[in-house]
């Protein structure tokens, strides 16, 4: 029973210390954000003009616009595929017949018998 009491005391002290330090850090960050706010500019007293927002129109797209968007998406997708994988790839990644180099290296390493390094 003596060990249980000591363990509970240490748990309460440890958790209390952790949460106290977290509360201090939280308070310090709040204090720093109050002092680090940007000052309002009062140099000229001019007010910036409000941004004009164009009204949203819900006109349907013309067939030429739809075709242009489709071509742009296809070109972008093809570009991303070329950037992400070598052009010499002759199989689909993750297929069971042809594993990637990483997977093949891992399988080779796992299939070797274990020997102590010297």
PDB file of N, CA and C in Angstrom:
ATOM      1  N   UNK A   1       0.830  -1.186   0.000  1.00  0.00           N
ATOM      2  CA  UNK A   1       0.000   0.000   0.000  1.00  0.00           C
ATOM      3  C   UNK A   1       0.875   1.252   0.000  1.00  0.00           C
ATOM      4  N   UNK A   2       2.058   1.106   0.559  1.00  0.00           N
ATOM      5  CA  UNK A   2       2.980   2.247   0.606  1.00  0.00           C
ATOM      6  C   UNK A   2       3.421   2.648  -0.802  1.00  0.00           C
ATOM      7  N   UNK A   3       3.685   1.650  -1.665  1.00  0.00           N
ATOM      8  CA  UNK A   3       4.100   1.933  -3.024  1.00  0.00           C
ATOM      9  C   UNK A   3       2.971   2.565  -3.841  1.00  0.00           C
ATOM     10  N   UNK A   4       1.754   2.147  -3.588  1.00  0.00           N
ATOM     11  CA  UNK A   4       0.613   2.704  -4.301  1.00  0.00           C
ATOM     12  C   UNK A   4       0.448   4.186  -3.965  1.00  0.00           C
ATOM     13  N   UNK A   5       0.561   4.527  -2.710  1.00  0.00           N
ATOM     14  CA  UNK A   5       0.451   5.930  -2.306  1.00  0.00           C
ATOM     15  C   UNK A   5       1.544   6.775  -2.923  1.00  0.00           C
ATOM     16  N   UNK A   6       2.770   6.255  -2.933  1.00  0.00           N
ATOM     17  CA  UNK A   6       3.885   6.989  -3.538  1.00  0.00           C
ATOM     18  C   UNK A   6       3.659   7.166  -5.039  1.00  0.00           C
ATOM     19  N   UNK A   7       3.169   6.124  -5.688  1.00  0.00           N
ATOM     20  CA  UNK A   7       2.907   6.198  -7.127  1.00  0.00           C
ATOM     21  C   UNK A   7       1.836   7.223  -7.454  1.00  0.00           C
ATOM     22  N   UNK A   8       0.751   7.242  -6.663  1.00  0.00           N
ATOM     23  CA  UNK A   8      -0.307   8.218  -6.894  1.00  0.00           C
ATOM     24  C   UNK A   8       0.185   9.646  -6.636  1.00  0.00           C
ATOM     25  N   UNK A   9       0.998   9.820  -5.605  1.00  0.00           N
ATOM     26  CA  UNK A   9       1.552  11.144  -5.312  1.00  0.00           C
ATOM     27  C   UNK A   9       2.427  11.628  -6.455  1.00  0.00           C
ATOM     28  N   UNK A  10       3.270  10.764  -6.959  1.00  0.00           N
ATOM     29  CA  UNK A  10       4.155  11.150  -8.062  1.00  0.00           C
ATOM     30  C   UNK A  10       3.358  11.432  -9.335  1.00  0.00           C
ATOM     31  N   UNK A  11       2.288  10.672  -9.556  1.00  0.00           N
ATOM     32  CA  UNK A  11       1.439  10.903 -10.722  1.00  0.00           C
ATOM     33  C   UNK A  11       0.777  12.270 -10.642  1.00  0.00           C
ATOM     34  N   UNK A  12       0.213  12.592  -9.497  1.00  0.00           N
ATOM     35  CA  UNK A  12      -0.451  13.884  -9.323  1.00  0.00           C
ATOM     36  C   UNK A  12       0.554  15.022  -9.450  1.00  0.00           C
ATOM     37  N   UNK A  13       1.717  14.889  -8.840  1.00  0.00           N
ATOM     38  CA  UNK A  13       2.730  15.939  -8.939  1.00  0.00           C
ATOM     39  C   UNK A  13       3.228  16.097 -10.376  1.00  0.00           C
ATOM     40  N   UNK A  14       3.472  15.011 -11.060  1.00  0.00           N
ATOM     41  CA  UNK A  14       3.963  15.074 -12.429  1.00  0.00           C
ATOM     42  C   UNK A  14       2.954  15.694 -13.372  1.00  0.00           C
ATOM     43  N   UNK A  15       1.709  15.229 -13.289  1.00  0.00           N
ATOM     44  CA  UNK A  15       0.677  15.779 -14.164  1.00  0.00           C
ATOM     45  C   UNK A  15       0.383  17.238 -13.819  1.00  0.00           C
ATOM     46  N   UNK A  16       0.393  17.550 -12.532  1.00  0.00           N
ATOM     47  CA  UNK A  16       0.187  18.934 -12.130  1.00  0.00           C
ATOM     48  C   UNK A  16       1.279  19.843 -12.655  1.00  0.00           C
ATOM     49  N   UNK A  17       2.519  19.377 -12.594  1.00  0.00           N
ATOM     50  CA  UNK A  17       3.635  20.166 -13.100  1.00  0.00           C
ATOM     51  C   UNK A  17       3.515  20.369 -14.612  1.00  0.00           C
ATOM     52  N   UNK A  18       3.153  19.323 -15.328  1.00  0.00           N
ATOM     53  CA  UNK A  18       3.009  19.428 -16.782  1.00  0.00           C
ATOM     54  C   UNK A  18       1.915  20.428 -17.142  1.00  0.00           C
ATOM     55  N   UNK A  19       0.759  20.323 -16.510  1.00  0.00           N
ATOM     56  CA  UNK A  19      -0.329  21.228 -16.841  1.00  0.00           C
ATOM     57  C   UNK A  19      -0.045  22.650 -16.378  1.00  0.00           C
ATOM     58  N   UNK A  20       0.698  22.818 -15.294  1.00  0.00           N
ATOM     59  CA  UNK A  20       1.084  24.157 -14.861  1.00  0.00           C
ATOM     60  C   UNK A  20       2.011  24.802 -15.879  1.00  0.00           C
ATOM     61  N   UNK A  21       2.979  24.060 -16.382  1.00  0.00           N
ATOM     62  CA  UNK A  21       3.893  24.596 -17.387  1.00  0.00           C
ATOM     63  C   UNK A  21       3.137  24.904 -18.680  1.00  0.00           C
ATOM     64  N   UNK A  22       2.218  24.043 -19.065  1.00  0.00           N
ATOM     65  CA  UNK A  22       1.410  24.321 -20.260  1.00  0.00           C
ATOM     66  C   UNK A  22       0.569  25.584 -20.088  1.00  0.00           C
ATOM     67  N   UNK A  23       0.009  25.793 -18.899  1.00  0.00           N
ATOM     68  CA  UNK A  23      -0.776  26.997 -18.643  1.00  0.00           C
ATOM     69  C   UNK A  23       0.115  28.234 -18.680  1.00  0.00           C
ATOM     70  N   UNK A  24       1.326  28.138 -18.178  1.00  0.00           N
ATOM     71  CA  UNK A  24       2.254  29.265 -18.231  1.00  0.00           C
ATOM     72  C   UNK A  24       2.639  29.599 -19.672  1.00  0.00           C
ATOM     73  N   UNK A  25       2.895  28.584 -20.466  1.00  0.00           N
ATOM     74  CA  UNK A  25       3.234  28.814 -21.880  1.00  0.00           C
ATOM     75  C   UNK A  25       2.052  29.434 -22.612  1.00  0.00           C
ATOM     76  N   UNK A  26       0.843  28.963 -22.330  1.00  0.00           N
ATOM     77  CA  UNK A  26      -0.357  29.516 -22.948  1.00  0.00           C
ATOM     78  C   UNK A  26      -0.521  30.992 -22.591  1.00  0.00           C
ATOM     79  N   UNK A  27      -0.328  31.315 -21.318  1.00  0.00           N
ATOM     80  CA  UNK A  27      -0.428  32.703 -20.890  1.00  0.00           C
ATOM     81  C   UNK A  27       0.641  33.576 -21.527  1.00  0.00           C
ATOM     82  N   UNK A  28       1.858  33.062 -21.628  1.00  0.00           N
ATOM     83  CA  UNK A  28       2.944  33.809 -22.252  1.00  0.00           C
ATOM     84  C   UNK A  28       2.648  34.074 -23.726  1.00  0.00           C
ATOM     85  N   UNK A  29       2.119  33.080 -24.427  1.00  0.00           N
ATOM     86  CA  UNK A  29       1.761  33.270 -25.839  1.00  0.00           C
ATOM     87  C   UNK A  29       0.644  34.295 -25.992  1.00  0.00           C
ATOM     88  N   UNK A  30      -0.346  34.272 -25.130  1.00  0.00           N
ATOM     89  CA  UNK A  30      -1.413  35.272 -25.194  1.00  0.00           C
ATOM     90  C   UNK A  30      -0.862  36.670 -24.944  1.00  0.00           C
ATOM     91  N   UNK A  31       0.050  36.793 -23.988  1.00  0.00           N
ATOM     92  CA  UNK A  31       0.662  38.086 -23.694  1.00  0.00           C
ATOM     93  C   UNK A  31       1.470  38.591 -24.891  1.00  0.00           C
ATOM     94  N   UNK A  32       2.214  37.701 -25.518  1.00  0.00           N
ATOM     95  CA  UNK A  32       3.013  38.099 -26.672  1.00  0.00           C
ATOM     96  C   UNK A  32       2.150  38.498 -27.858  1.00  0.00           C
ATOM     97  N   UNK A  33       1.036  37.826 -28.072  1.00  0.00           N
ATOM     98  CA  UNK A  33       0.176  38.185 -29.202  1.00  0.00           C
ATOM     99  C   UNK A  33      -0.493  39.537 -28.979  1.00  0.00           C
ATOM    100  N   UNK A  34      -0.726  39.925 -27.736  1.00  0.00           N
ATOM    101  CA  UNK A  34      -1.302  41.251 -27.473  1.00  0.00           C
ATOM    102  C   UNK A  34      -0.310  42.351 -27.812  1.00  0.00           C
ATOM    103  N   UNK A  35       0.947  42.126 -27.511  1.00  0.00           N
ATOM    104  CA  UNK A  35       1.964  43.144 -27.781  1.00  0.00           C
ATOM    105  C   UNK A  35       2.446  43.118 -29.228  1.00  0.00           C
ATOM    106  N   UNK A  36       2.195  42.069 -29.948  1.00  0.00           N
ATOM    107  CA  UNK A  36       2.725  41.917 -31.297  1.00  0.00           C
ATOM    108  C   UNK A  36       1.706  42.243 -32.385  1.00  0.00           C
ATOM    109  N   UNK A  37       0.587  42.819 -32.031  1.00  0.00           N
ATOM    110  CA  UNK A  37      -0.423  43.172 -33.026  1.00  0.00           C
ATOM    111  C   UNK A  37       0.078  44.329 -33.880  1.00  0.00           C
ATOM    112  N   UNK A  38      -0.255  44.321 -35.170  1.00  0.00           N
ATOM    113  CA  UNK A  38       0.163  45.449 -36.016  1.00  0.00           C
ATOM    114  C   UNK A  38      -0.588  46.719 -35.622  1.00  0.00           C
ATOM    115  N   UNK A  39       0.131  47.826 -35.680  1.00  0.00           N
ATOM    116  CA  UNK A  39      -0.478  49.103 -35.323  1.00  0.00           C
ATOM    117  C   UNK A  39      -1.330  49.604 -36.493  1.00  0.00           C
ATOM    118  N   UNK A  40      -2.477  50.198 -36.200  1.00  0.00           N
ATOM    119  CA  UNK A  40      -3.288  50.749 -37.297  1.00  0.00           C
ATOM    120  C   UNK A  40      -2.565  51.946 -37.910  1.00  0.00           C
ATOM    121  N   UNK A  41      -2.616  52.019 -39.230  1.00  0.00           N
ATOM    122  CA  UNK A  41      -1.917  53.103 -39.909  1.00  0.00           C
ATOM    123  C   UNK A  41      -2.748  54.375 -39.841  1.00  0.00           C
ATOM    124  N   UNK A  42      -2.164  55.427 -39.298  1.00  0.00           N
ATOM    125  CA  UNK A  42      -2.842  56.717 -39.197  1.00  0.00           C
ATOM    126  C   UNK A  42      -2.007  57.798 -39.864  1.00  0.00           C
ATOM    127  N   UNK A  43      -1.247  57.417 -40.891  1.00  0.00           N
ATOM    128  CA  UNK A  43      -0.344  58.369 -41.520  1.00  0.00           C
ATOM    129  C   UNK A  43      -1.087  59.382 -42.380  1.00  0.00           C
ATOM    130  N   UNK A  44      -1.969  58.964 -43.254  1.00  0.00           N
ATOM    131  CA  UNK A  44      -2.641  59.891 -44.155  1.00  0.00           C
ATOM    132  C   UNK A  44      -4.103  60.086 -43.809  1.00  0.00           C
ATOM    133  N   UNK A  45      -4.683  59.191 -43.097  1.00  0.00           N
ATOM    134  CA  UNK A  45      -6.077  59.301 -42.743  1.00  0.00           C
ATOM    135  C   UNK A  45      -7.015  58.925 -43.872  1.00  0.00           C
ATOM    136  N   UNK A  46      -6.455  58.469 -44.998  1.00  0.00           N
ATOM    137  CA  UNK A  46      -7.293  58.076 -46.116  1.00  0.00           C
ATOM    138  C   UNK A  46      -7.858  56.684 -45.880  1.00  0.00           C
ATOM    139  N   UNK A  47      -9.057  56.516 -46.323  1.00  0.00           N
ATOM    140  CA  UNK A  47      -9.698  55.218 -46.203  1.00  0.00           C
ATOM    141  C   UNK A  47      -9.541  54.491 -47.526  1.00  0.00           C
ATOM    142  N   UNK A  48      -9.166  53.236 -47.444  1.00  0.00           N
ATOM    143  CA  UNK A  48      -9.023  52.450 -48.665  1.00  0.00           C
ATOM    144  C   UNK A  48     -10.392  52.234 -49.292  1.00  0.00           C
ATOM    145  N   UNK A  49     -10.485  52.342 -50.623  1.00  0.00           N
ATOM    146  CA  UNK A  49     -11.783  52.124 -51.267  1.00  0.00           C
ATOM    147  C   UNK A  49     -12.195  50.659 -51.137  1.00  0.00           C
ATOM    148  N   UNK A  50     -13.478  50.470 -51.039  1.00  0.00           N
ATOM    149  CA  UNK A  50     -14.004  49.107 -50.928  1.00  0.00           C
ATOM    150  C   UNK A  50     -13.798  48.383 -52.248  1.00  0.00           C
ATOM    151  N   UNK A  51     -13.506  47.093 -52.139  1.00  0.00           N
ATOM    152  CA  UNK A  51     -13.331  46.287 -53.345  1.00  0.00           C
ATOM    153  C   UNK A  51     -14.679  46.055 -54.001  1.00  0.00           C
ATOM    154  N   UNK A  52     -14.685  46.209 -55.296  1.00  0.00           N
ATOM    155  CA  UNK A  52     -15.911  45.946 -56.030  1.00  0.00           C
ATOM    156  C   UNK A  52     -15.971  44.469 -56.381  1.00  0.00           C
ATOM    157  N   UNK A  53     -17.049  43.853 -56.034  1.00  0.00           N
ATOM    158  CA  UNK A  53     -17.236  42.430 -56.304  1.00  0.00           C
ATOM    159  C   UNK A  53     -18.181  42.306 -57.485  1.00  0.00           C
ATOM    160  N   UNK A  54     -17.697  41.623 -58.493  1.00  0.00           N
ATOM    161  CA  UNK A  54     -18.517  41.446 -59.691  1.00  0.00           C
ATOM    162  C   UNK A  54     -19.687  40.524 -59.367  1.00  0.00           C
ATOM    163  N   UNK A  55     -20.847  40.835 -59.891  1.00  0.00           N
ATOM    164  CA  UNK A  55     -21.988  39.956 -59.634  1.00  0.00           C
ATOM    165  C   UNK A  55     -21.767  38.590 -60.293  1.00  0.00           C
ATOM    166  N   UNK A  56     -22.223  37.578 -59.621  1.00  0.00           N
ATOM    167  CA  UNK A  56     -22.070  36.221 -60.124  1.00  0.00           C
ATOM    168  C   UNK A  56     -23.165  35.935 -61.131  1.00  0.00           C
ATOM    169  N   UNK A  57     -22.740  35.532 -62.297  1.00  0.00           N
ATOM    170  CA  UNK A  57     -23.716  35.167 -63.316  1.00  0.00           C
ATOM    171  C   UNK A  57     -23.760  33.651 -63.441  1.00  0.00           C
ATOM    172  N   UNK A  58     -24.919  33.158 -63.666  1.00  0.00           N
ATOM    173  CA  UNK A  58     -25.089  31.715 -63.776  1.00  0.00           C
ATOM    174  C   UNK A  58     -25.437  31.321 -65.201  1.00  0.00           C
ATOM    175  N   UNK A  59     -24.740  31.925 -66.145  1.00  0.00           N
ATOM    176  CA  UNK A  59     -24.985  31.591 -67.542  1.00  0.00           C
ATOM    177  C   UNK A  59     -24.358  30.233 -67.848  1.00  0.00           C
ATOM    178  N   UNK A  60     -25.019  29.415 -68.632  1.00  0.00           N
ATOM    179  CA  UNK A  60     -24.431  28.118 -68.987  1.00  0.00           C
ATOM    180  C   UNK A  60     -23.221  28.318 -69.911  1.00  0.00           C
ATOM    181  N   UNK A  61     -22.276  27.412 -69.797  1.00  0.00           N
ATOM    182  CA  UNK A  61     -21.081  27.471 -70.637  1.00  0.00           C
ATOM    183  C   UNK A  61     -21.406  27.027 -72.058  1.00  0.00           C
ATOM    184  N   UNK A  62     -20.720  27.633 -72.987  1.00  0.00           N
ATOM    185  CA  UNK A  62     -20.898  27.232 -74.382  1.00  0.00           C
ATOM    186  C   UNK A  62     -20.129  25.932 -74.612  1.00  0.00           C
ATOM    187  N   UNK A  63     -20.473  25.190 -75.653  1.00  0.00           N
ATOM    188  CA  UNK A  63     -19.740  23.954 -75.937  1.00  0.00           C
ATOM    189  C   UNK A  63     -18.247  24.194 -76.180  1.00  0.00           C
ATOM    190  N   UNK A  64     -17.893  25.332 -76.771  1.00  0.00           N
ATOM    191  CA  UNK A  64     -16.472  25.627 -76.984  1.00  0.00           C
ATOM    192  C   UNK A  64     -15.740  25.829 -75.653  1.00  0.00           C
ATOM    193  N   UNK A  65     -16.384  26.475 -74.702  1.00  0.00           N
ATOM    194  CA  UNK A  65     -15.774  26.685 -73.394  1.00  0.00           C
ATOM    195  C   UNK A  65     -15.613  25.363 -72.644  1.00  0.00           C
ATOM    196  N   UNK A  66     -16.610  24.497 -72.737  1.00  0.00           N
ATOM    197  CA  UNK A  66     -16.531  23.189 -72.090  1.00  0.00           C
ATOM    198  C   UNK A  66     -15.398  22.367 -72.699  1.00  0.00           C
ATOM    199  N   UNK A  67     -15.258  22.419 -74.020  1.00  0.00           N
ATOM    200  CA  UNK A  67     -14.187  21.682 -74.688  1.00  0.00           C
ATOM    201  C   UNK A  67     -12.822  22.236 -74.287  1.00  0.00           C
ATOM    202  N   UNK A  68     -12.703  23.559 -74.178  1.00  0.00           N
ATOM    203  CA  UNK A  68     -11.433  24.167 -73.776  1.00  0.00           C
ATOM    204  C   UNK A  68     -11.064  23.760 -72.350  1.00  0.00           C
ATOM    205  N   UNK A  69     -12.028  23.716 -71.461  1.00  0.00           N
ATOM    206  CA  UNK A  69     -11.764  23.303 -70.077  1.00  0.00           C
ATOM    207  C   UNK A  69     -11.345  21.842 -70.037  1.00  0.00           C
ATOM    208  N   UNK A  70     -12.011  20.985 -70.804  1.00  0.00           N
ATOM    209  CA  UNK A  70     -11.668  19.561 -70.830  1.00  0.00           C
ATOM    210  C   UNK A  70     -10.253  19.342 -71.353  1.00  0.00           C
ATOM    211  N   UNK A  71      -9.878  20.081 -72.404  1.00  0.00           N
ATOM    212  CA  UNK A  71      -8.524  19.959 -72.952  1.00  0.00           C
ATOM    213  C   UNK A  71      -7.499  20.424 -71.924  1.00  0.00           C
ATOM    214  N   UNK A  72      -7.776  21.521 -71.239  1.00  0.00           N
ATOM    215  CA  UNK A  72      -6.842  22.029 -70.236  1.00  0.00           C
ATOM    216  C   UNK A  72      -6.658  21.043 -69.095  1.00  0.00           C
ATOM    217  N   UNK A  73      -7.749  20.416 -68.651  1.00  0.00           N
ATOM    218  CA  UNK A  73      -7.646  19.424 -67.571  1.00  0.00           C
ATOM    219  C   UNK A  73      -6.861  18.211 -68.038  1.00  0.00           C
ATOM    220  N   UNK A  74      -7.085  17.751 -69.257  1.00  0.00           N
ATOM    221  CA  UNK A  74      -6.363  16.585 -69.778  1.00  0.00           C
ATOM    222  C   UNK A  74      -4.874  16.871 -69.912  1.00  0.00           C
ATOM    223  N   UNK A  75      -4.531  18.064 -70.398  1.00  0.00           N
ATOM    224  CA  UNK A  75      -3.115  18.418 -70.541  1.00  0.00           C
ATOM    225  C   UNK A  75      -2.457  18.509 -69.172  1.00  0.00           C
ATOM    226  N   UNK A  76      -3.127  19.116 -68.209  1.00  0.00           N
ATOM    227  CA  UNK A  76      -2.563  19.246 -66.860  1.00  0.00           C
ATOM    228  C   UNK A  76      -2.391  17.876 -66.215  1.00  0.00           C
ATOM    229  N   UNK A  77      -3.354  16.982 -66.366  1.00  0.00           N
ATOM    230  CA  UNK A  77      -3.247  15.642 -65.801  1.00  0.00           C
ATOM    231  C   UNK A  77      -2.091  14.882 -66.423  1.00  0.00           C
ATOM    232  N   UNK A  78      -1.931  14.982 -67.733  1.00  0.00           N
ATOM    233  CA  UNK A  78      -0.819  14.301 -68.402  1.00  0.00           C
ATOM    234  C   UNK A  78       0.515  14.862 -67.939  1.00  0.00           C
ATOM    235  N   UNK A  79       0.594  16.164 -67.732  1.00  0.00           N
ATOM    236  CA  UNK A  79       1.829  16.785 -67.257  1.00  0.00           C
ATOM    237  C   UNK A  79       2.168  16.295 -65.857  1.00  0.00           C
ATOM    238  N   UNK A  80       1.182  16.232 -64.984  1.00  0.00           N
ATOM    239  CA  UNK A  80       1.427  15.759 -63.627  1.00  0.00           C
ATOM    240  C   UNK A  80       1.871  14.304 -63.610  1.00  0.00           C
ATOM    241  N   UNK A  81       1.295  13.480 -64.463  1.00  0.00           N
ATOM    242  CA  UNK A  81       1.689  12.077 -64.515  1.00  0.00           C
ATOM    243  C   UNK A  81       3.127  11.927 -64.979  1.00  0.00           C
ATOM    244  N   UNK A  82       3.526  12.730 -65.956  1.00  0.00           N
ATOM    245  CA  UNK A  82       4.917  12.659 -66.428  1.00  0.00           C
ATOM    246  C   UNK A  82       5.882  13.115 -65.356  1.00  0.00           C
ATOM    247  N   UNK A  83       5.500  14.102 -64.558  1.00  0.00           N
ATOM    248  CA  UNK A  83       6.388  14.602 -63.517  1.00  0.00           C
ATOM    249  C   UNK A  83       6.496  13.632 -62.358  1.00  0.00           C
ATOM    250  N   UNK A  84       5.455  12.855 -62.098  1.00  0.00           N
ATOM    251  CA  UNK A  84       5.435  11.997 -60.923  1.00  0.00           C
ATOM    252  C   UNK A  84       6.074  10.643 -61.151  1.00  0.00           C
ATOM    253  N   UNK A  85       6.219  10.199 -62.371  1.00  0.00           N
ATOM    254  CA  UNK A  85       6.736   8.863 -62.616  1.00  0.00           C
ATOM    255  C   UNK A  85       7.684   8.881 -63.804  1.00  0.00           C
ATOM    256  N   UNK A  86       8.634   7.967 -63.819  1.00  0.00           N
ATOM    257  CA  UNK A  86       9.539   7.899 -64.968  1.00  0.00           C
ATOM    258  C   UNK A  86       8.790   7.534 -66.247  1.00  0.00           C
ATOM    259  N   UNK A  87       9.291   8.020 -67.365  1.00  0.00           N
ATOM    260  CA  UNK A  87       8.617   7.742 -68.629  1.00  0.00           C
ATOM    261  C   UNK A  87       8.926   6.343 -69.138  1.00  0.00           C
ATOM    262  N   UNK A  88       9.910   5.667 -68.546  1.00  0.00           N
ATOM    263  CA  UNK A  88      10.271   4.333 -69.008  1.00  0.00           C
ATOM    264  C   UNK A  88       9.409   3.256 -68.379  1.00  0.00           C
ATOM    265  N   UNK A  89       8.461   3.636 -67.558  1.00  0.00           N
ATOM    266  CA  UNK A  89       7.633   2.646 -66.878  1.00  0.00           C
ATOM    267  C   UNK A  89       6.786   1.906 -67.895  1.00  0.00           C
ATOM    268  N   UNK A  90       6.825   0.587 -67.845  1.00  0.00           N
ATOM    269  CA  UNK A  90       6.063  -0.208 -68.790  1.00  0.00           C
ATOM    270  C   UNK A  90       4.983  -1.036 -68.096  1.00  0.00           C
ATOM    271  N   UNK A  91       4.724  -0.770 -66.835  1.00  0.00           N
ATOM    272  CA  UNK A  91       3.705  -1.499 -66.098  1.00  0.00           C
ATOM    273  C   UNK A  91       3.007  -0.530 -65.161  1.00  0.00           C
ATOM    274  N   UNK A  92       1.867  -0.930 -64.679  1.00  0.00           N
ATOM    275  CA  UNK A  92       1.099  -0.097 -63.770  1.00  0.00           C
ATOM    276  C   UNK A  92       1.636  -0.252 -62.359  1.00  0.00           C
ATOM    277  N   UNK A  93       1.878   0.860 -61.642  1.00  0.00           N
ATOM    278  CA  UNK A  93       2.432   0.756 -60.292  1.00  0.00           C
ATOM    279  C   UNK A  93       1.509  -0.030 -59.372  1.00  0.00           C
ATOM    280  N   UNK A  94       2.099  -0.871 -58.549  1.00  0.00           N
ATOM    281  CA  UNK A  94       1.336  -1.658 -57.596  1.00  0.00           C
ATOM    282  C   UNK A  94       0.767  -2.936 -58.150  1.00  0.00           C
ATOM    283  N   UNK A  95       1.047  -3.253 -59.400  1.00  0.00           N
ATOM    284  CA  UNK A  95       0.529  -4.504 -59.942  1.00  0.00           C
ATOM    285  C   UNK A  95       1.272  -5.666 -59.288  1.00  0.00           C
ATOM    286  N   UNK A  96       0.647  -6.793 -59.267  1.00  0.00           N
ATOM    287  CA  UNK A  96       1.243  -7.941 -58.583  1.00  0.00           C
ATOM    288  C   UNK A  96       2.404  -8.536 -59.362  1.00  0.00           C
ATOM    289  N   UNK A  97       2.368  -8.421 -60.679  1.00  0.00           N
ATOM    290  CA  UNK A  97       3.422  -9.034 -61.476  1.00  0.00           C
ATOM    291  C   UNK A  97       4.722  -8.243 -61.398  1.00  0.00           C
ATOM    292  N   UNK A  98       4.620  -6.933 -61.440  1.00  0.00           N
ATOM    293  CA  UNK A  98       5.807  -6.102 -61.435  1.00  0.00           C
ATOM    294  C   UNK A  98       5.743  -5.155 -60.245  1.00  0.00           C
ATOM    295  N   UNK A  99       6.518  -5.447 -59.233  1.00  0.00           N
ATOM    296  CA  UNK A  99       6.538  -4.600 -58.054  1.00  0.00           C
ATOM    297  C   UNK A  99       7.528  -3.464 -58.252  1.00  0.00           C
ATOM    298  N   UNK A 100       7.353  -2.407 -57.486  1.00  0.00           N
ATOM    299  CA  UNK A 100       8.291  -1.300 -57.586  1.00  0.00           C
ATOM    300  C   UNK A 100       9.654  -1.738 -57.043  1.00  0.00           C
ATOM    301  N   UNK A 101      10.648  -0.918 -57.283  1.00  0.00           N
ATOM    302  CA  UNK A 101      11.994  -1.261 -56.813  1.00  0.00           C
ATOM    303  C   UNK A 101      12.050  -1.342 -55.295  1.00  0.00           C
ATOM    304  N   UNK A 102      11.320  -0.457 -54.617  1.00  0.00           N
ATOM    305  CA  UNK A 102      11.315  -0.480 -53.155  1.00  0.00           C
ATOM    306  C   UNK A 102      10.704  -1.777 -52.631  1.00  0.00           C
ATOM    307  N   UNK A 103       9.578  -2.167 -53.214  1.00  0.00           N
ATOM    308  CA  UNK A 103       8.907  -3.386 -52.774  1.00  0.00           C
ATOM    309  C   UNK A 103       9.775  -4.601 -53.077  1.00  0.00           C
ATOM    310  N   UNK A 104      10.383  -4.634 -54.252  1.00  0.00           N
ATOM    311  CA  UNK A 104      11.236  -5.759 -54.613  1.00  0.00           C
ATOM    312  C   UNK A 104      12.444  -5.845 -53.684  1.00  0.00           C
ATOM    313  N   UNK A 105      13.035  -4.702 -53.334  1.00  0.00           N
ATOM    314  CA  UNK A 105      14.183  -4.712 -52.422  1.00  0.00           C
ATOM    315  C   UNK A 105      13.762  -5.200 -51.042  1.00  0.00           C
ATOM    316  N   UNK A 106      12.581  -4.785 -50.592  1.00  0.00           N
ATOM    317  CA  UNK A 106      12.093  -5.241 -49.291  1.00  0.00           C
ATOM    318  C   UNK A 106      11.822  -6.734 -49.274  1.00  0.00           C
ATOM    319  N   UNK A 107      11.219  -7.244 -50.340  1.00  0.00           N
ATOM    320  CA  UNK A 107      10.959  -8.686 -50.401  1.00  0.00           C
ATOM    321  C   UNK A 107      12.262  -9.475 -50.426  1.00  0.00           C
ATOM    322  N   UNK A 108      13.234  -8.979 -51.176  1.00  0.00           N
ATOM    323  CA  UNK A 108      14.523  -9.666 -51.240  1.00  0.00           C
ATOM    324  C   UNK A 108      15.165  -9.705 -49.865  1.00  0.00           C
ATOM    325  N   UNK A 109      15.106  -8.599 -49.160  1.00  0.00           N
ATOM    326  CA  UNK A 109      15.723  -8.542 -47.835  1.00  0.00           C
ATOM    327  C   UNK A 109      15.005  -9.470 -46.862  1.00  0.00           C
ATOM    328  N   UNK A 110      13.683  -9.548 -46.959  1.00  0.00           N
ATOM    329  CA  UNK A 110      12.930 -10.403 -46.056  1.00  0.00           C
ATOM    330  C   UNK A 110      13.153 -11.881 -46.346  1.00  0.00           C
ATOM    331  N   UNK A 111      13.388 -12.228 -47.588  1.00  0.00           N
ATOM    332  CA  UNK A 111      13.554 -13.628 -47.952  1.00  0.00           C
ATOM    333  C   UNK A 111      14.951 -14.161 -47.694  1.00  0.00           C
ATOM    334  N   UNK A 112      15.900 -13.275 -47.405  1.00  0.00           N
ATOM    335  CA  UNK A 112      17.251 -13.745 -47.108  1.00  0.00           C
ATOM    336  C   UNK A 112      17.288 -14.262 -45.683  1.00  0.00           C
ATOM    337  N   UNK A 113      18.117 -15.266 -45.461  1.00  0.00           N
ATOM    338  CA  UNK A 113      18.256 -15.773 -44.105  1.00  0.00           C
ATOM    339  C   UNK A 113      19.039 -14.756 -43.274  1.00  0.00           C
ATOM    340  N   UNK A 114      18.670 -14.673 -42.019  1.00  0.00           N
ATOM    341  CA  UNK A 114      19.276 -13.674 -41.143  1.00  0.00           C
ATOM    342  C   UNK A 114      20.642 -14.153 -40.691  1.00  0.00           C
ATOM    343  N   UNK A 115      21.593 -13.243 -40.743  1.00  0.00           N
ATOM    344  CA  UNK A 115      22.923 -13.549 -40.238  1.00  0.00           C
ATOM    345  C   UNK A 115      23.403 -12.345 -39.441  1.00  0.00           C
ATOM    346  N   UNK A 116      24.096 -12.630 -38.377  1.00  0.00           N
ATOM    347  CA  UNK A 116      24.635 -11.564 -37.534  1.00  0.00           C
ATOM    348  C   UNK A 116      25.689 -10.785 -38.310  1.00  0.00           C
ATOM    349  N   UNK A 117      25.645  -9.464 -38.175  1.00  0.00           N
ATOM    350  CA  UNK A 117      26.643  -8.640 -38.843  1.00  0.00           C
ATOM    351  C   UNK A 117      27.975  -8.775 -38.123  1.00  0.00           C
ATOM    352  N   UNK A 118      29.029  -8.782 -38.923  1.00  0.00           N
ATOM    353  CA  UNK A 118      30.348  -8.962 -38.309  1.00  0.00           C
ATOM    354  C   UNK A 118      31.127  -7.691 -38.314  1.00  0.00           C
TER     355      UNK A 118
END
